[in-house]
Amino acid sequence: MPRVTLLTRVDCHLCDAAREALDRVAARTGEAWTEVDVATDIELERDYGDRLPVVLLDGKEHGYWRVEEDRLVRDLHG
């Protein structure tokens, strides 16, 4: 199971940029990531709906709106 999860929604331009950033992180670290559309889960929609995309690392919020690539790489190795 991937350690990194990207919470998104359809038609989210920031989500597109986050996907590209996570692809770069995956290329650097070898860590896979997964994506979850918050529209598929009412609790996720309620918790995160206004500030997508959200990056979760090991199930905990790591950041939102923008992927901090260097920080994520460091935390994946820490």
N, C-alpha and C. Protein backbone atom coordinates (compact mmCIF):
# COMPACT_ATOMS: atom_id res chain seq x y z
N MET A 1 0.85 -1.18 0.00
CA MET A 1 0.00 0.00 0.00
C MET A 1 0.90 1.25 0.00
N PRO A 2 0.64 2.18 -0.90
CA PRO A 2 1.46 3.40 -0.97
C PRO A 2 1.35 4.23 0.31
N ARG A 3 2.46 4.85 0.67
CA ARG A 3 2.50 5.71 1.86
C ARG A 3 1.91 7.08 1.57
N VAL A 4 1.88 7.48 0.29
CA VAL A 4 1.42 8.81 -0.09
C VAL A 4 0.06 8.69 -0.79
N THR A 5 -0.88 9.51 -0.33
CA THR A 5 -2.21 9.57 -0.93
C THR A 5 -2.48 11.01 -1.30
N LEU A 6 -3.02 11.21 -2.49
CA LEU A 6 -3.42 12.54 -2.95
C LEU A 6 -4.93 12.60 -2.97
N LEU A 7 -5.50 13.50 -2.19
CA LEU A 7 -6.95 13.71 -2.19
C LEU A 7 -7.27 14.79 -3.21
N THR A 8 -8.21 14.47 -4.11
CA THR A 8 -8.51 15.36 -5.23
C THR A 8 -10.01 15.44 -5.47
N ARG A 9 -10.34 16.17 -6.51
CA ARG A 9 -11.71 16.19 -7.05
C ARG A 9 -11.60 16.46 -8.54
N VAL A 10 -12.66 16.17 -9.26
CA VAL A 10 -12.70 16.40 -10.70
C VAL A 10 -12.65 17.91 -10.97
N ASP A 11 -12.00 18.28 -12.07
CA ASP A 11 -11.90 19.68 -12.50
C ASP A 11 -11.17 20.57 -11.49
N CYS A 12 -10.10 20.04 -10.93
CA CYS A 12 -9.28 20.79 -9.96
C CYS A 12 -7.92 21.04 -10.61
N HIS A 13 -7.66 22.28 -11.02
CA HIS A 13 -6.40 22.58 -11.69
C HIS A 13 -5.20 22.42 -10.76
N LEU A 14 -5.36 22.72 -9.48
CA LEU A 14 -4.27 22.51 -8.53
C LEU A 14 -3.97 21.01 -8.37
N CYS A 15 -4.99 20.18 -8.52
CA CYS A 15 -4.80 18.73 -8.43
C CYS A 15 -3.92 18.24 -9.58
N ASP A 16 -4.09 18.82 -10.76
CA ASP A 16 -3.24 18.44 -11.89
C ASP A 16 -1.77 18.73 -11.59
N ALA A 17 -1.49 19.88 -11.03
CA ALA A 17 -0.12 20.24 -10.67
C ALA A 17 0.41 19.32 -9.57
N ALA A 18 -0.43 18.96 -8.63
CA ALA A 18 -0.02 18.06 -7.54
C ALA A 18 0.32 16.68 -8.08
N ARG A 19 -0.45 16.19 -9.05
CA ARG A 19 -0.14 14.89 -9.66
C ARG A 19 1.25 14.92 -10.31
N GLU A 20 1.54 15.99 -11.02
CA GLU A 20 2.85 16.11 -11.67
C GLU A 20 3.96 16.15 -10.62
N ALA A 21 3.74 16.87 -9.52
CA ALA A 21 4.73 16.94 -8.46
C ALA A 21 4.94 15.58 -7.81
N LEU A 22 3.86 14.85 -7.58
CA LEU A 22 4.00 13.52 -6.96
C LEU A 22 4.68 12.54 -7.91
N ASP A 23 4.46 12.70 -9.20
CA ASP A 23 5.20 11.87 -10.16
C ASP A 23 6.70 12.14 -10.07
N ARG A 24 7.07 13.40 -9.90
CA ARG A 24 8.49 13.73 -9.74
C ARG A 24 9.06 13.15 -8.45
N VAL A 25 8.29 13.24 -7.37
CA VAL A 25 8.72 12.67 -6.09
C VAL A 25 8.89 11.16 -6.23
N ALA A 26 7.94 10.52 -6.89
CA ALA A 26 8.02 9.06 -7.08
C ALA A 26 9.25 8.68 -7.90
N ALA A 27 9.59 9.48 -8.90
CA ALA A 27 10.78 9.22 -9.71
C ALA A 27 12.05 9.34 -8.88
N ARG A 28 12.06 10.28 -7.94
CA ARG A 28 13.23 10.49 -7.08
C ARG A 28 13.37 9.44 -6.00
N THR A 29 12.24 8.96 -5.48
CA THR A 29 12.28 8.11 -4.28
C THR A 29 11.92 6.65 -4.54
N GLY A 30 11.24 6.40 -5.65
CA GLY A 30 10.74 5.04 -5.89
C GLY A 30 9.45 4.73 -5.13
N GLU A 31 8.93 5.72 -4.39
CA GLU A 31 7.70 5.53 -3.63
C GLU A 31 6.48 5.76 -4.53
N ALA A 32 5.60 4.80 -4.55
CA ALA A 32 4.35 4.94 -5.30
C ALA A 32 3.39 5.84 -4.52
N TRP A 33 2.39 6.34 -5.22
CA TRP A 33 1.35 7.13 -4.57
C TRP A 33 0.01 6.73 -5.14
N THR A 34 -1.03 7.04 -4.42
CA THR A 34 -2.39 6.73 -4.85
C THR A 34 -3.24 7.98 -4.77
N GLU A 35 -4.34 7.95 -5.48
CA GLU A 35 -5.24 9.12 -5.54
C GLU A 35 -6.64 8.72 -5.12
N VAL A 36 -7.28 9.59 -4.35
CA VAL A 36 -8.66 9.37 -3.91
C VAL A 36 -9.46 10.63 -4.22
N ASP A 37 -10.55 10.48 -4.94
CA ASP A 37 -11.46 11.59 -5.22
C ASP A 37 -12.38 11.73 -4.01
N VAL A 38 -12.37 12.89 -3.36
CA VAL A 38 -13.16 13.08 -2.15
C VAL A 38 -14.67 12.94 -2.40
N ALA A 39 -15.10 13.05 -3.65
CA ALA A 39 -16.52 12.89 -3.97
C ALA A 39 -16.99 11.46 -3.71
N THR A 40 -16.05 10.53 -3.57
CA THR A 40 -16.43 9.13 -3.33
C THR A 40 -16.63 8.82 -1.85
N ASP A 41 -16.37 9.79 -0.97
CA ASP A 41 -16.45 9.55 0.47
C ASP A 41 -16.95 10.82 1.15
N ILE A 42 -18.14 10.77 1.70
CA ILE A 42 -18.76 11.97 2.28
C ILE A 42 -17.93 12.55 3.43
N GLU A 43 -17.27 11.70 4.20
CA GLU A 43 -16.44 12.19 5.30
C GLU A 43 -15.21 12.94 4.77
N LEU A 44 -14.56 12.40 3.74
CA LEU A 44 -13.43 13.10 3.13
C LEU A 44 -13.88 14.42 2.52
N GLU A 45 -15.03 14.40 1.87
CA GLU A 45 -15.56 15.63 1.26
C GLU A 45 -15.79 16.69 2.34
N ARG A 46 -16.34 16.29 3.45
CA ARG A 46 -16.62 17.23 4.55
C ARG A 46 -15.31 17.75 5.16
N ASP A 47 -14.33 16.88 5.34
CA ASP A 47 -13.09 17.27 6.00
C ASP A 47 -12.14 18.07 5.11
N TYR A 48 -12.11 17.75 3.81
CA TYR A 48 -11.09 18.33 2.94
C TYR A 48 -11.62 19.09 1.73
N GLY A 49 -12.91 19.11 1.53
CA GLY A 49 -13.51 19.62 0.31
C GLY A 49 -13.13 21.01 -0.12
N ASP A 50 -12.83 21.90 0.82
CA ASP A 50 -12.54 23.30 0.48
C ASP A 50 -11.05 23.59 0.29
N ARG A 51 -10.19 22.61 0.51
CA ARG A 51 -8.76 22.90 0.41
C ARG A 51 -7.99 21.79 -0.28
N LEU A 52 -8.47 21.44 -1.45
CA LEU A 52 -7.81 20.40 -2.24
C LEU A 52 -6.83 21.02 -3.22
N PRO A 53 -5.82 20.28 -3.59
CA PRO A 53 -5.51 18.91 -3.22
C PRO A 53 -4.86 18.84 -1.83
N VAL A 54 -4.95 17.66 -1.23
CA VAL A 54 -4.32 17.39 0.06
C VAL A 54 -3.42 16.18 -0.11
N VAL A 55 -2.21 16.28 0.43
CA VAL A 55 -1.28 15.14 0.43
C VAL A 55 -1.29 14.53 1.82
N LEU A 56 -1.53 13.22 1.86
CA LEU A 56 -1.43 12.48 3.11
C LEU A 56 -0.19 11.61 3.05
N LEU A 57 0.56 11.58 4.13
CA LEU A 57 1.72 10.71 4.25
C LEU A 57 1.44 9.78 5.43
N ASP A 58 1.43 8.49 5.15
CA ASP A 58 1.12 7.49 6.18
C ASP A 58 -0.20 7.81 6.87
N GLY A 59 -1.18 8.30 6.09
CA GLY A 59 -2.51 8.56 6.60
C GLY A 59 -2.69 9.89 7.32
N LYS A 60 -1.62 10.67 7.45
CA LYS A 60 -1.70 11.96 8.13
C LYS A 60 -1.48 13.09 7.12
N GLU A 61 -2.16 14.20 7.36
CA GLU A 61 -2.03 15.34 6.45
C GLU A 61 -0.60 15.86 6.42
N HIS A 62 -0.05 15.94 5.23
CA HIS A 62 1.31 16.45 5.04
C HIS A 62 1.29 17.86 4.47
N GLY A 63 0.26 18.17 3.73
CA GLY A 63 0.15 19.51 3.15
C GLY A 63 -1.07 19.60 2.25
N TYR A 64 -1.37 20.83 1.84
CA TYR A 64 -2.51 21.03 0.94
C TYR A 64 -2.23 22.19 0.00
N TRP A 65 -2.99 22.21 -1.08
CA TRP A 65 -2.92 23.18 -2.18
C TRP A 65 -1.66 23.04 -3.02
N ARG A 66 -0.53 22.74 -2.42
CA ARG A 66 0.73 22.65 -3.14
C ARG A 66 1.58 21.54 -2.52
N VAL A 67 2.24 20.77 -3.36
CA VAL A 67 3.12 19.71 -2.88
C VAL A 67 4.51 20.30 -2.63
N GLU A 68 4.96 20.20 -1.41
CA GLU A 68 6.31 20.63 -1.06
C GLU A 68 7.24 19.45 -1.32
N GLU A 69 7.76 19.38 -2.54
CA GLU A 69 8.47 18.19 -2.99
C GLU A 69 9.68 17.84 -2.13
N ASP A 70 10.55 18.79 -1.87
CA ASP A 70 11.75 18.49 -1.09
C ASP A 70 11.40 18.02 0.32
N ARG A 71 10.42 18.67 0.93
CA ARG A 71 9.98 18.27 2.27
C ARG A 71 9.39 16.86 2.25
N LEU A 72 8.60 16.55 1.24
CA LEU A 72 8.00 15.22 1.14
C LEU A 72 9.07 14.16 0.96
N VAL A 73 10.05 14.43 0.10
CA VAL A 73 11.16 13.48 -0.10
C VAL A 73 11.88 13.25 1.22
N ARG A 74 12.18 14.32 1.92
CA ARG A 74 12.87 14.20 3.21
C ARG A 74 12.06 13.39 4.20
N ASP A 75 10.75 13.65 4.28
CA ASP A 75 9.89 12.96 5.23
C ASP A 75 9.68 11.49 4.84
N LEU A 76 9.72 11.19 3.57
CA LEU A 76 9.61 9.79 3.15
C LEU A 76 10.83 9.00 3.60
N HIS A 77 11.98 9.64 3.65
CA HIS A 77 13.21 8.96 4.06
C HIS A 77 13.46 9.04 5.55
N GLY A 78 12.70 9.90 6.25
CA GLY A 78 12.94 10.13 7.68
C GLY A 78 12.26 9.12 8.49
